[in-house]
N, C-alpha and C. Protein backbone atom coordinates (compact mmCIF):
# COMPACT_ATOMS: atom_id res chain seq x y z
N MET A 1 -19.81 -0.76 -36.76
CA MET A 1 -19.61 -0.61 -35.64
C MET A 1 -17.99 -0.18 -35.51
N ASP A 2 -17.31 -1.20 -36.45
CA ASP A 2 -15.98 -0.83 -36.30
C ASP A 2 -15.55 0.57 -37.49
N SER A 3 -16.44 1.08 -38.16
CA SER A 3 -16.07 2.64 -38.36
C SER A 3 -16.54 3.32 -37.97
N LEU A 4 -17.79 3.36 -37.14
CA LEU A 4 -18.04 3.84 -36.11
C LEU A 4 -16.71 4.88 -35.08
N ARG A 5 -16.54 3.23 -34.61
CA ARG A 5 -15.16 3.40 -33.98
C ARG A 5 -13.66 4.49 -34.13
N GLN A 6 -13.92 3.91 -35.41
CA GLN A 6 -12.50 4.47 -36.37
C GLN A 6 -12.76 6.32 -36.41
N ILE A 7 -13.71 6.59 -36.47
CA ILE A 7 -14.57 8.40 -36.35
C ILE A 7 -14.33 8.86 -34.79
N PHE A 8 -15.00 8.15 -34.10
CA PHE A 8 -15.47 8.32 -32.74
C PHE A 8 -14.68 8.39 -31.58
N GLY A 9 -13.32 6.99 -32.40
CA GLY A 9 -12.70 6.54 -31.34
C GLY A 9 -13.42 5.70 -30.18
N PRO A 10 -13.14 4.92 -29.35
CA PRO A 10 -13.66 4.07 -28.16
C PRO A 10 -14.44 4.69 -27.26
N SER A 11 -15.44 4.00 -27.20
CA SER A 11 -16.32 4.24 -26.14
C SER A 11 -16.23 5.07 -24.80
N LYS A 12 -17.07 5.83 -24.67
CA LYS A 12 -16.85 5.84 -22.74
C LYS A 12 -16.57 4.68 -22.10
N GLU A 13 -17.48 3.27 -22.19
CA GLU A 13 -17.41 2.52 -21.53
C GLU A 13 -16.22 1.90 -21.43
N GLU A 14 -15.66 1.70 -23.02
CA GLU A 14 -14.23 1.06 -22.72
C GLU A 14 -13.16 1.58 -21.66
N VAL A 15 -13.20 2.99 -22.30
CA VAL A 15 -11.97 3.71 -21.88
C VAL A 15 -12.36 3.60 -20.29
N TRP A 16 -13.56 3.61 -19.71
CA TRP A 16 -13.55 3.82 -18.46
C TRP A 16 -13.44 2.31 -17.82
N ALA A 17 -13.64 1.28 -18.66
CA ALA A 17 -13.32 -0.11 -18.12
C ALA A 17 -12.30 -0.34 -18.05
N ARG A 18 -11.23 0.25 -19.12
CA ARG A 18 -9.83 -0.15 -19.02
C ARG A 18 -8.96 0.87 -17.65
N LEU A 19 -9.90 2.01 -17.35
CA LEU A 19 -8.90 2.88 -16.21
C LEU A 19 -9.49 1.70 -15.24
N SER A 20 -10.23 1.21 -14.90
CA SER A 20 -10.85 0.54 -13.68
C SER A 20 -9.92 -0.55 -13.43
N GLU A 21 -9.34 -1.47 -14.64
CA GLU A 21 -8.46 -2.22 -14.25
C GLU A 21 -7.16 -1.62 -14.31
N GLU A 22 -6.99 -0.27 -14.60
CA GLU A 22 -5.85 0.35 -14.29
C GLU A 22 -5.34 0.56 -13.03
N ILE A 23 -6.17 1.14 -12.22
CA ILE A 23 -6.58 1.83 -10.70
C ILE A 23 -6.92 0.57 -10.21
N GLU A 24 -7.12 -0.58 -10.71
CA GLU A 24 -7.95 -1.64 -9.63
C GLU A 24 -8.99 -1.29 -8.65
N ALA A 25 -10.10 -0.20 -9.57
CA ALA A 25 -11.30 -0.05 -9.22
C ALA A 25 -12.26 -0.91 -9.88
N ASP A 26 -13.56 -0.24 -9.23
CA ASP A 26 -14.72 -1.49 -9.54
C ASP A 26 -15.55 -0.15 -10.78
N PHE A 27 -15.97 -0.79 -11.92
CA PHE A 27 -16.33 -0.67 -13.01
C PHE A 27 -18.07 -0.54 -12.94
N VAL A 28 -18.96 0.32 -12.66
CA VAL A 28 -20.79 -0.03 -12.22
C VAL A 28 -21.19 0.33 -13.31
N ASP A 29 -21.98 -0.76 -13.67
CA ASP A 29 -22.63 -0.74 -14.97
C ASP A 29 -24.23 -0.39 -14.14
N GLY A 30 -24.26 1.38 -14.86
CA GLY A 30 -25.76 1.38 -13.99
C GLY A 30 -26.99 1.70 -15.03
N GLY A 31 -26.55 1.23 -16.23
CA GLY A 31 -27.70 0.77 -16.73
C GLY A 31 -28.06 2.84 -17.83
N PHE A 32 -29.12 2.22 -18.32
CA PHE A 32 -29.44 3.20 -19.30
C PHE A 32 -29.80 4.88 -18.35
N LEU A 33 -30.49 4.15 -17.16
CA LEU A 33 -31.07 5.42 -16.35
C LEU A 33 -30.11 6.19 -15.38
N ARG A 34 -29.42 5.42 -14.85
CA ARG A 34 -28.40 5.87 -13.80
C ARG A 34 -26.86 5.83 -14.35
N GLY A 35 -26.93 5.50 -15.48
CA GLY A 35 -25.05 5.52 -15.60
C GLY A 35 -24.13 5.15 -15.21
N ASP A 36 -22.99 4.85 -16.10
CA ASP A 36 -21.94 3.94 -15.42
C ASP A 36 -21.15 5.19 -14.38
N LYS A 37 -20.52 4.48 -13.75
CA LYS A 37 -19.46 5.30 -12.76
C LYS A 37 -18.32 4.04 -12.37
N ILE A 38 -17.06 4.63 -11.70
CA ILE A 38 -16.21 3.95 -10.92
C ILE A 38 -15.97 4.42 -9.95
N ILE A 39 -16.03 3.14 -9.42
CA ILE A 39 -15.43 3.59 -7.41
C ILE A 39 -14.51 2.96 -7.42
N ALA A 40 -13.34 3.94 -6.58
CA ALA A 40 -11.81 3.60 -6.69
C ALA A 40 -12.02 4.34 -5.23
N LYS A 41 -10.75 3.42 -4.43
CA LYS A 41 -10.31 3.58 -3.02
C LYS A 41 -9.12 3.92 -3.35
N VAL A 42 -8.94 5.14 -2.28
CA VAL A 42 -7.36 5.74 -1.96
C VAL A 42 -7.36 5.62 -0.13
N ARG A 43 -6.63 4.19 0.49
CA ARG A 43 -6.36 4.40 1.94
C ARG A 43 -7.96 4.08 2.13
N GLU A 44 -8.35 5.01 3.01
CA GLU A 44 -9.86 4.71 3.24
C GLU A 44 -10.49 5.76 2.64
N TRP A 45 -10.36 6.40 1.66
CA TRP A 45 -11.14 7.05 1.16
C TRP A 45 -11.87 6.49 -0.18
N VAL A 46 -13.17 6.61 -0.34
CA VAL A 46 -13.93 6.07 -1.78
C VAL A 46 -13.90 7.29 -2.85
N ILE A 47 -13.91 7.08 -3.65
CA ILE A 47 -13.96 8.25 -5.21
C ILE A 47 -14.39 7.43 -6.20
N THR A 48 -15.84 8.31 -6.19
CA THR A 48 -16.58 8.24 -7.51
C THR A 48 -15.92 9.13 -8.58
N LEU A 49 -16.30 8.32 -9.78
CA LEU A 49 -16.13 8.90 -10.90
C LEU A 49 -17.16 8.74 -11.98
N ASP A 50 -17.88 9.98 -12.67
CA ASP A 50 -19.24 9.77 -13.31
C ASP A 50 -19.33 10.68 -14.06
N THR A 51 -20.68 10.84 -15.02
CA THR A 51 -21.36 12.15 -15.35
C THR A 51 -22.42 12.26 -15.27
N TYR A 52 -22.99 13.20 -15.43
CA TYR A 52 -24.10 13.26 -14.85
C TYR A 52 -24.98 14.36 -16.29
N THR A 53 -25.99 14.77 -16.35
CA THR A 53 -26.60 15.59 -17.45
C THR A 53 -27.48 16.67 -16.74
N VAL A 54 -27.57 18.02 -17.21
CA VAL A 54 -28.16 19.07 -16.90
C VAL A 54 -29.27 19.57 -18.41
N SER A 55 -30.49 20.10 -17.93
CA SER A 55 -30.63 20.79 -19.09
C SER A 55 -30.56 22.09 -19.01
N THR A 56 -30.22 22.72 -20.20
CA THR A 56 -30.11 24.35 -20.19
C THR A 56 -31.17 25.20 -20.99
N GLY A 57 -32.15 24.36 -21.10
CA GLY A 57 -33.96 24.77 -21.77
C GLY A 57 -33.63 24.23 -22.92
N LYS A 58 -33.39 24.59 -23.87
CA LYS A 58 -33.60 24.21 -25.42
C LYS A 58 -32.53 22.79 -25.79
N SER A 59 -31.32 22.38 -24.66
CA SER A 59 -30.45 21.47 -25.24
C SER A 59 -30.04 20.95 -23.17
N TYR A 60 -28.95 19.73 -23.88
CA TYR A 60 -28.57 19.65 -22.63
C TYR A 60 -27.14 19.47 -22.52
N SER A 61 -26.38 19.34 -21.08
CA SER A 61 -25.26 19.83 -21.06
C SER A 61 -24.31 18.18 -20.22
N THR A 62 -23.52 17.95 -20.87
CA THR A 62 -23.46 16.58 -19.72
C THR A 62 -21.77 17.18 -19.10
N PHE A 63 -21.61 16.55 -18.00
CA PHE A 63 -20.31 16.80 -17.14
C PHE A 63 -19.77 15.63 -16.61
N THR A 64 -18.20 15.63 -16.64
CA THR A 64 -17.16 14.64 -15.88
C THR A 64 -17.41 15.02 -14.80
N ARG A 65 -17.24 14.13 -13.38
CA ARG A 65 -16.89 14.84 -12.39
C ARG A 65 -16.60 13.84 -11.76
N MET A 66 -15.68 13.96 -10.41
CA MET A 66 -14.86 12.99 -10.04
C MET A 66 -14.83 13.82 -8.07
N ARG A 67 -15.58 12.96 -7.37
CA ARG A 67 -16.01 13.18 -6.02
C ARG A 67 -15.45 12.16 -5.15
N VAL A 68 -15.28 12.82 -3.78
CA VAL A 68 -14.84 12.06 -2.68
C VAL A 68 -15.09 13.11 -1.48
N PRO A 69 -16.03 12.36 -0.43
CA PRO A 69 -16.28 12.76 0.82
C PRO A 69 -14.92 12.49 1.56
N TYR A 70 -14.61 13.53 2.75
CA TYR A 70 -13.54 13.12 3.65
C TYR A 70 -13.94 14.24 4.61
N VAL A 71 -13.53 13.29 5.95
CA VAL A 71 -13.27 14.48 7.01
C VAL A 71 -12.38 15.82 7.20
N ASN A 72 -13.17 16.91 6.95
CA ASN A 72 -12.36 18.46 7.35
C ASN A 72 -12.27 18.38 8.66
N LYS A 73 -11.24 18.72 9.17
CA LYS A 73 -10.59 18.39 10.19
C LYS A 73 -10.55 20.22 10.63
N ASP A 74 -10.70 21.19 9.63
CA ASP A 74 -10.74 22.04 9.90
C ASP A 74 -11.18 23.50 9.02
N GLY A 75 -12.48 23.38 8.52
CA GLY A 75 -12.95 23.87 7.88
C GLY A 75 -12.14 24.36 6.38
N PHE A 76 -11.08 23.93 6.13
CA PHE A 76 -10.52 24.62 5.39
C PHE A 76 -11.02 24.08 3.53
N ARG A 77 -10.92 25.42 2.85
CA ARG A 77 -11.60 25.56 1.68
C ARG A 77 -10.76 26.18 0.39
N PHE A 78 -11.07 25.68 -0.81
CA PHE A 78 -10.93 25.97 -1.57
C PHE A 78 -11.08 25.80 -3.36
N LYS A 79 -10.84 26.54 -4.15
CA LYS A 79 -11.50 26.23 -5.41
C LYS A 79 -10.11 26.92 -6.10
N ILE A 80 -9.56 25.87 -7.83
CA ILE A 80 -8.62 26.25 -8.46
C ILE A 80 -9.36 26.26 -9.70
N TYR A 81 -9.45 26.64 -10.62
CA TYR A 81 -9.44 26.65 -12.17
C TYR A 81 -8.61 27.20 -13.16
N ARG A 82 -8.84 27.06 -14.16
CA ARG A 82 -7.54 27.85 -15.15
C ARG A 82 -8.15 28.96 -15.55
N LYS A 83 -7.38 30.45 -15.34
CA LYS A 83 -7.73 31.74 -15.71
C LYS A 83 -8.94 31.49 -17.07
N GLY A 84 -9.81 32.35 -17.31
CA GLY A 84 -10.85 31.97 -18.44
C GLY A 84 -11.80 30.75 -18.49
N PHE A 85 -11.44 29.95 -16.98
CA PHE A 85 -12.37 28.71 -17.31
C PHE A 85 -13.68 29.61 -16.48
N PHE A 86 -13.89 30.18 -15.93
CA PHE A 86 -15.04 30.80 -15.16
C PHE A 86 -14.72 32.11 -15.22
N SER A 87 -16.01 32.71 -14.32
CA SER A 87 -15.83 33.95 -14.29
C SER A 87 -16.67 34.38 -12.86
N ASN A 88 -15.74 35.40 -12.05
CA ASN A 88 -16.47 35.76 -10.83
C ASN A 88 -17.11 34.30 -10.03
N VAL A 89 -16.81 33.34 -10.36
CA VAL A 89 -17.25 32.30 -9.28
C VAL A 89 -16.67 31.82 -7.98
N GLY A 90 -15.78 32.39 -7.94
CA GLY A 90 -15.29 32.75 -6.29
C GLY A 90 -16.29 33.62 -5.45
N LYS A 91 -17.00 34.22 -6.22
CA LYS A 91 -17.46 35.65 -5.43
C LYS A 91 -18.58 34.57 -4.60
N LEU A 92 -19.07 33.52 -5.10
CA LEU A 92 -20.45 32.67 -4.35
C LEU A 92 -19.94 32.07 -3.22
N PHE A 93 -18.76 31.99 -3.19
CA PHE A 93 -18.14 30.91 -2.10
C PHE A 93 -17.72 31.87 -0.92
N GLY A 94 -17.26 33.15 -1.08
CA GLY A 94 -16.89 34.07 0.02
C GLY A 94 -15.26 33.53 0.17
N LEU A 95 -14.83 33.24 -0.99
CA LEU A 95 -12.89 32.66 -1.20
C LEU A 95 -12.72 34.36 -1.36
N GLN A 96 -11.69 33.90 -1.35
CA GLN A 96 -10.74 35.31 -1.74
C GLN A 96 -9.54 34.76 -2.63
N ASP A 97 -9.24 35.24 -3.67
CA ASP A 97 -8.08 35.38 -4.84
C ASP A 97 -6.64 35.49 -3.62
N ILE A 98 -6.13 33.98 -3.97
CA ILE A 98 -4.97 34.10 -3.38
C ILE A 98 -4.08 33.60 -3.85
N GLU A 99 -2.59 33.98 -4.05
CA GLU A 99 -1.21 33.68 -4.70
C GLU A 99 -0.73 32.77 -4.02
N VAL A 100 -0.37 31.69 -4.46
CA VAL A 100 0.58 30.61 -3.97
C VAL A 100 2.17 30.52 -3.97
N GLY A 101 3.01 31.49 -4.51
CA GLY A 101 4.24 31.82 -4.04
C GLY A 101 4.78 31.24 -5.37
N PHE A 102 4.28 30.55 -6.30
CA PHE A 102 4.68 30.01 -7.80
C PHE A 102 4.34 30.77 -8.52
N PRO A 103 5.06 31.51 -9.39
CA PRO A 103 4.57 32.73 -10.16
C PRO A 103 4.05 31.64 -11.45
N GLU A 104 4.98 30.88 -12.25
CA GLU A 104 4.17 30.32 -13.58
C GLU A 104 2.97 29.47 -13.21
N PHE A 105 2.25 28.99 -11.83
CA PHE A 105 1.51 28.38 -11.42
C PHE A 105 0.27 29.49 -10.96
N ASP A 106 0.62 30.89 -10.50
CA ASP A 106 -0.45 31.77 -10.19
C ASP A 106 -0.61 32.18 -11.11
N GLU A 107 0.08 32.38 -12.99
CA GLU A 107 -0.05 33.22 -13.56
C GLU A 107 -1.47 32.54 -14.31
N GLU A 108 -1.23 30.81 -14.31
CA GLU A 108 -1.93 29.98 -15.05
C GLU A 108 -3.46 30.07 -14.14
N PHE A 109 -3.56 30.20 -12.93
CA PHE A 109 -4.63 29.50 -12.56
C PHE A 109 -5.52 30.64 -11.70
N ILE A 110 -6.73 30.75 -11.61
CA ILE A 110 -7.29 31.38 -10.55
C ILE A 110 -7.38 30.50 -8.98
N ILE A 111 -6.74 31.17 -8.15
CA ILE A 111 -6.79 30.30 -6.63
C ILE A 111 -7.35 30.48 -5.80
N LYS A 112 -8.83 30.26 -5.17
CA LYS A 112 -9.12 30.53 -4.16
C LYS A 112 -9.53 29.95 -2.83
N GLY A 113 -9.48 30.36 -1.53
CA GLY A 113 -9.22 29.95 -0.28
C GLY A 113 -9.65 30.86 0.50
N ASN A 114 -9.64 29.80 1.82
CA ASN A 114 -10.32 30.75 2.94
C ASN A 114 -9.44 30.74 4.04
N ASP A 115 -8.01 30.14 3.64
CA ASP A 115 -6.69 30.28 4.33
C ASP A 115 -5.44 30.37 3.98
N ALA A 116 -4.83 31.58 3.68
CA ALA A 116 -3.73 31.78 2.91
C ALA A 116 -2.62 30.88 2.87
N GLU A 117 -2.21 30.30 4.30
CA GLU A 117 -1.24 30.40 5.02
C GLU A 117 -1.48 28.19 4.46
N LYS A 118 -2.67 28.00 4.64
CA LYS A 118 -2.84 26.40 4.57
C LYS A 118 -2.67 26.66 2.42
N LEU A 119 -3.57 27.39 2.19
CA LEU A 119 -3.14 26.78 0.56
C LEU A 119 -2.06 27.00 0.00
N SER A 120 -1.22 28.21 0.73
CA SER A 120 0.57 27.82 0.40
C SER A 120 0.80 26.74 0.42
N ARG A 121 0.66 25.84 1.60
CA ARG A 121 1.26 24.60 1.93
C ARG A 121 0.79 23.35 1.03
N LEU A 122 -0.38 23.57 0.64
CA LEU A 122 -1.34 22.72 -0.14
C LEU A 122 -0.46 22.59 -1.07
N PHE A 123 -0.21 24.12 -2.08
CA PHE A 123 0.63 23.43 -3.29
C PHE A 123 1.87 23.66 -3.20
N SER A 124 2.56 23.58 -2.35
CA SER A 124 4.17 23.78 -1.64
C SER A 124 4.23 22.12 -2.56
N ASN A 125 3.06 21.44 -2.82
CA ASN A 125 3.46 19.90 -3.05
C ASN A 125 3.65 19.95 -4.60
N PRO A 126 4.81 20.01 -5.15
CA PRO A 126 5.12 19.76 -6.54
C PRO A 126 4.14 19.18 -7.40
N LYS A 127 4.17 17.60 -6.56
CA LYS A 127 3.59 16.79 -7.55
C LYS A 127 1.97 17.22 -7.79
N VAL A 128 1.42 17.60 -6.63
CA VAL A 128 -0.16 18.49 -6.67
C VAL A 128 -0.01 19.46 -7.87
N ARG A 129 1.01 20.31 -8.16
CA ARG A 129 1.10 21.77 -9.09
C ARG A 129 1.05 21.15 -10.26
N GLU A 130 1.99 19.63 -10.48
CA GLU A 130 1.99 19.00 -11.93
C GLU A 130 1.28 18.49 -12.31
N LEU A 131 0.16 17.76 -11.53
CA LEU A 131 -0.80 17.08 -11.86
C LEU A 131 -2.19 17.78 -12.07
N ILE A 132 -2.32 19.19 -11.93
CA ILE A 132 -3.00 20.07 -11.87
C ILE A 132 -2.57 20.49 -13.32
N GLN A 133 -1.66 20.90 -13.36
CA GLN A 133 -0.95 21.70 -14.65
C GLN A 133 -1.36 20.29 -16.30
N LEU A 134 -1.66 19.19 -15.54
CA LEU A 134 -1.79 17.91 -16.84
C LEU A 134 -3.03 18.33 -17.13
N GLN A 135 -4.29 19.20 -16.27
CA GLN A 135 -5.42 18.77 -17.08
C GLN A 135 -5.63 19.93 -17.74
N GLN A 136 -6.49 19.86 -19.15
CA GLN A 136 -6.90 20.99 -19.78
C GLN A 136 -7.06 21.93 -19.49
N ASP A 137 -8.53 21.21 -18.67
CA ASP A 137 -9.82 22.00 -17.83
C ASP A 137 -9.68 21.44 -16.67
N ILE A 138 -9.93 22.24 -15.96
CA ILE A 138 -10.34 21.81 -14.49
C ILE A 138 -10.77 22.65 -13.85
N SER A 139 -11.70 22.36 -12.79
CA SER A 139 -12.28 23.40 -11.87
C SER A 139 -11.88 21.69 -10.83
N LEU A 140 -11.35 22.11 -9.50
CA LEU A 140 -11.31 21.56 -8.38
C LEU A 140 -11.49 22.63 -6.67
N GLU A 141 -12.47 21.90 -6.17
CA GLU A 141 -12.74 22.69 -5.36
C GLU A 141 -13.08 21.52 -3.35
N VAL A 142 -13.22 22.28 -2.64
CA VAL A 142 -13.69 21.61 -1.42
C VAL A 142 -14.97 22.21 -1.53
N LYS A 143 -16.34 21.53 -1.59
CA LYS A 143 -17.97 21.30 -0.87
C LYS A 143 -18.01 21.11 0.23
N ASP A 144 -18.80 21.83 0.82
CA ASP A 144 -19.56 21.51 1.97
C ASP A 144 -20.86 20.30 1.88
N ASP A 145 -20.98 20.08 0.64
CA ASP A 145 -22.74 19.36 0.19
C ASP A 145 -22.97 19.32 -1.45
N GLU A 146 -23.49 18.86 -2.10
CA GLU A 146 -23.99 18.69 -3.31
C GLU A 146 -25.04 19.56 -3.41
N GLY A 147 -25.81 20.34 -2.60
CA GLY A 147 -27.30 21.13 -3.23
C GLY A 147 -28.23 20.27 -2.89
N TRP A 148 -29.53 20.49 -3.59
CA TRP A 148 -30.79 20.45 -3.41
C TRP A 148 -30.66 19.06 -3.71
N PHE A 149 -30.21 18.42 -4.52
CA PHE A 149 -30.20 17.06 -5.19
C PHE A 149 -29.43 16.06 -5.71
N GLY A 150 -28.46 16.49 -4.22
CA GLY A 150 -27.52 15.48 -4.26
C GLY A 150 -27.62 15.27 -3.02
N THR A 151 -26.14 14.68 -2.47
CA THR A 151 -25.84 14.22 -1.24
C THR A 151 -25.32 15.52 -0.09
N GLU A 152 -26.58 15.03 0.82
CA GLU A 152 -26.27 16.11 1.89
C GLU A 152 -25.38 15.52 3.12
N PHE A 153 -24.36 15.88 3.26
CA PHE A 153 -23.30 15.44 4.47
C PHE A 153 -23.45 15.53 6.05
N PRO A 154 -23.02 14.82 6.77
CA PRO A 154 -22.87 14.72 7.83
C PRO A 154 -22.13 15.94 8.57
N GLN A 155 -21.91 16.55 9.70
CA GLN A 155 -21.35 17.86 10.31
C GLN A 155 -20.14 17.23 10.38
N GLY A 156 -19.13 18.07 9.26
CA GLY A 156 -17.68 17.83 9.37
C GLY A 156 -17.13 17.24 8.32
N VAL A 157 -17.98 17.03 7.65
CA VAL A 157 -17.65 16.02 6.02
C VAL A 157 -17.77 16.81 5.05
N ASP A 158 -16.64 17.25 4.17
CA ASP A 158 -16.86 17.67 3.14
C ASP A 158 -16.38 16.74 1.79
N GLU A 159 -16.18 17.44 0.36
CA GLU A 159 -16.19 16.72 -0.35
C GLU A 159 -15.17 17.24 -1.13
N LEU A 160 -14.15 16.53 -1.68
CA LEU A 160 -12.96 17.13 -3.02
C LEU A 160 -13.66 17.04 -4.35
N TYR A 161 -14.08 17.66 -5.28
CA TYR A 161 -15.36 18.12 -6.00
C TYR A 161 -14.11 18.65 -7.34
N PHE A 162 -14.39 17.82 -8.44
CA PHE A 162 -14.07 18.13 -10.02
C PHE A 162 -15.02 18.06 -10.64
N GLN A 163 -15.22 18.68 -11.80
CA GLN A 163 -16.22 18.58 -12.59
C GLN A 163 -15.65 19.40 -14.14
N VAL A 164 -15.71 19.17 -14.81
CA VAL A 164 -15.45 19.71 -16.48
C VAL A 164 -16.36 19.54 -16.96
N SER A 165 -16.74 20.28 -18.15
CA SER A 165 -18.09 20.14 -19.47
C SER A 165 -17.74 18.73 -20.50
N GLY A 166 -18.26 18.28 -20.56
CA GLY A 166 -18.09 17.16 -21.85
C GLY A 166 -17.95 15.97 -20.72
N VAL A 167 -17.79 14.85 -21.72
CA VAL A 167 -17.31 13.31 -21.37
C VAL A 167 -16.01 12.68 -21.26
N ILE A 168 -15.76 12.52 -20.84
CA ILE A 168 -13.82 12.60 -20.81
C ILE A 168 -13.25 11.23 -20.95
N LYS A 169 -12.86 11.08 -22.12
CA LYS A 169 -12.58 9.94 -22.98
C LYS A 169 -11.36 9.34 -23.09
N ASP A 170 -10.42 10.02 -21.96
CA ASP A 170 -8.68 9.98 -22.17
C ASP A 170 -8.49 8.88 -20.85
N VAL A 171 -7.89 8.19 -21.20
CA VAL A 171 -7.40 7.19 -20.01
C VAL A 171 -6.28 7.67 -19.40
N ASP A 172 -5.34 8.31 -20.03
CA ASP A 172 -4.65 8.84 -19.26
C ASP A 172 -4.60 10.04 -18.32
N ARG A 173 -5.60 11.32 -18.90
CA ARG A 173 -5.96 11.88 -18.36
C ARG A 173 -6.72 11.96 -17.17
N LEU A 174 -7.85 10.59 -17.47
CA LEU A 174 -8.56 9.96 -16.07
C LEU A 174 -7.52 9.64 -14.57
N LYS A 175 -6.49 8.82 -15.58
CA LYS A 175 -5.84 8.27 -14.51
C LYS A 175 -4.76 9.42 -13.27
N ASN A 176 -4.27 10.54 -14.39
CA ASN A 176 -3.89 11.67 -13.53
C ASN A 176 -4.64 12.65 -12.79
N LEU A 177 -6.10 12.11 -12.89
CA LEU A 177 -6.81 13.03 -11.88
C LEU A 177 -7.04 12.13 -10.79
N TYR A 178 -7.25 10.67 -10.99
CA TYR A 178 -7.67 9.94 -9.91
C TYR A 178 -6.17 10.31 -8.69
N TYR A 179 -5.38 10.35 -9.88
CA TYR A 179 -3.30 10.26 -8.91
C TYR A 179 -3.94 11.81 -8.04
N LEU A 180 -4.20 13.04 -8.45
CA LEU A 180 -4.24 14.02 -8.34
C LEU A 180 -5.38 14.01 -6.64
N PHE A 181 -6.58 13.21 -6.83
CA PHE A 181 -6.79 13.31 -6.05
C PHE A 181 -6.41 12.91 -4.91
N ALA A 182 -5.53 11.58 -5.01
CA ALA A 182 -4.61 10.67 -4.29
C ALA A 182 -3.79 11.58 -3.72
N VAL A 183 -3.08 12.80 -4.00
CA VAL A 183 -1.85 13.36 -3.76
C VAL A 183 -2.45 14.83 -2.82
N VAL A 184 -3.62 15.25 -3.67
CA VAL A 184 -4.28 16.18 -2.39
C VAL A 184 -4.83 15.44 -1.05
N LEU A 185 -5.36 14.64 -1.37
CA LEU A 185 -6.03 14.11 0.28
C LEU A 185 -4.98 14.10 0.96
N ASN A 186 -3.79 13.39 0.04
CA ASN A 186 -3.04 13.04 1.59
C ASN A 186 -2.39 14.28 1.86
N GLN A 187 -2.15 15.29 0.87
CA GLN A 187 -1.25 16.70 1.12
C GLN A 187 -2.60 17.20 2.03
N LEU A 188 -3.90 17.25 2.09
CA LEU A 188 -4.58 17.54 3.25
C LEU A 188 -4.45 17.13 4.69
N CYS A 189 -4.12 15.97 4.32
CA CYS A 189 -3.15 15.46 6.03
C CYS A 189 -2.35 15.87 6.40
N VAL A 190 -1.54 16.16 5.50
CA VAL A 190 -0.11 16.51 6.14
C VAL A 190 -0.45 17.97 6.81
N ILE A 191 -1.14 18.72 6.03
CA ILE A 191 -1.55 20.10 6.51
C ILE A 191 -2.36 20.23 7.58
N GLY A 192 -3.04 19.08 8.05
CA GLY A 192 -3.79 19.42 9.24
C GLY A 192 -5.10 19.77 9.28
N SER A 193 -5.40 19.08 7.68
CA SER A 193 -7.08 19.51 7.03
C SER A 193 -8.11 18.50 6.68
N ALA A 194 -7.04 17.27 6.73
CA ALA A 194 -7.96 16.22 6.72
C ALA A 194 -8.00 15.17 7.51
N TYR A 195 -8.64 13.85 7.56
CA TYR A 195 -8.07 13.05 8.92
C TYR A 195 -8.30 11.27 7.67
N GLU A 196 -7.93 10.60 7.68
CA GLU A 196 -7.76 9.72 6.88
C GLU A 196 -8.97 8.81 6.87
N ASP A 197 -9.67 9.15 7.96
CA ASP A 197 -10.91 8.21 8.21
C ASP A 197 -12.05 8.27 6.61
N ASN A 198 -12.61 6.93 7.08
CA ASN A 198 -13.86 6.87 5.75
C ASN A 198 -14.94 7.63 6.60
N PRO A 199 -15.54 8.91 5.78
CA PRO A 199 -17.07 9.21 6.54
C PRO A 199 -17.89 8.67 6.51
N ASN A 200 -17.98 7.48 5.63
CA ASN A 200 -19.27 6.84 5.29
C ASN A 200 -20.37 6.99 4.91
N VAL A 201 -19.79 8.13 4.16
CA VAL A 201 -21.08 8.96 2.97
C VAL A 201 -21.21 8.00 1.41
N THR A 202 -22.05 8.06 1.20
CA THR A 202 -22.98 7.09 0.02
C THR A 202 -23.38 8.08 -1.18
N LEU A 203 -22.52 8.47 -2.09
CA LEU A 203 -22.90 9.27 -2.75
C LEU A 203 -23.74 8.53 -4.24
N GLU A 204 -24.86 9.51 -4.52
CA GLU A 204 -25.70 9.33 -5.46
C GLU A 204 -25.02 9.29 -6.74
C-alpha cells in the first residue's frame, strides 16, 4: 500500500477528508455506488463538492464539480473559462462575450454573461479574479438547473456551478475553489444579484 501511495500520491478520500477538516465541513462517505462528497457552509449557503462519471461510449470520464444553489435576485447569469478550454460553449446559453475591463484577465479568459454592467462589477473584486487565476482549469457558471438527470430548482433558485475533467486531489486547489465560491456568492449579494437566504434545495 505504501508503494502505491508513493507512485500515485494520497487517495482522493485522504485528500478530501483533510480538506473537510481544514474548512470545517462534513465529509460524507457515499460508499461504492454513490461516491464521497463534502458538504460545506458559507453563511446560509450549502456548498457540495463531489465527482460524477459519464459514459463516452467505449470509456468513462470522471469530473470534479462544486455546486451551490442560491436565490437569484435578478436572473443574472454568466460563464467563465480559460481560452482554449471549451469551444463555442457560450452559444448554448445565449450569452454574449464580454470584456470586464482588466486587460490581463480578459486576455486569459472567455467571459460570457447576460448583463455587461453586472459582469464588470462581479469581476471588479480583485479577490474573485485572483482565485479564478489560481485554478489551472476552470469552468464556472450560473445554471438554472441540472438538466434531466439532476436536481430541478424552484422558481428563482439558480446554482453556481464549477466542473473540470478528472479528480482533483490537491488540497490547496480545492480550498481555493471553496474560497472562490464564498467570495463570488458574497459579491453577487453586493451587486444585487443574490440573497443570502438558504433556498433549501437538496442536491443529489
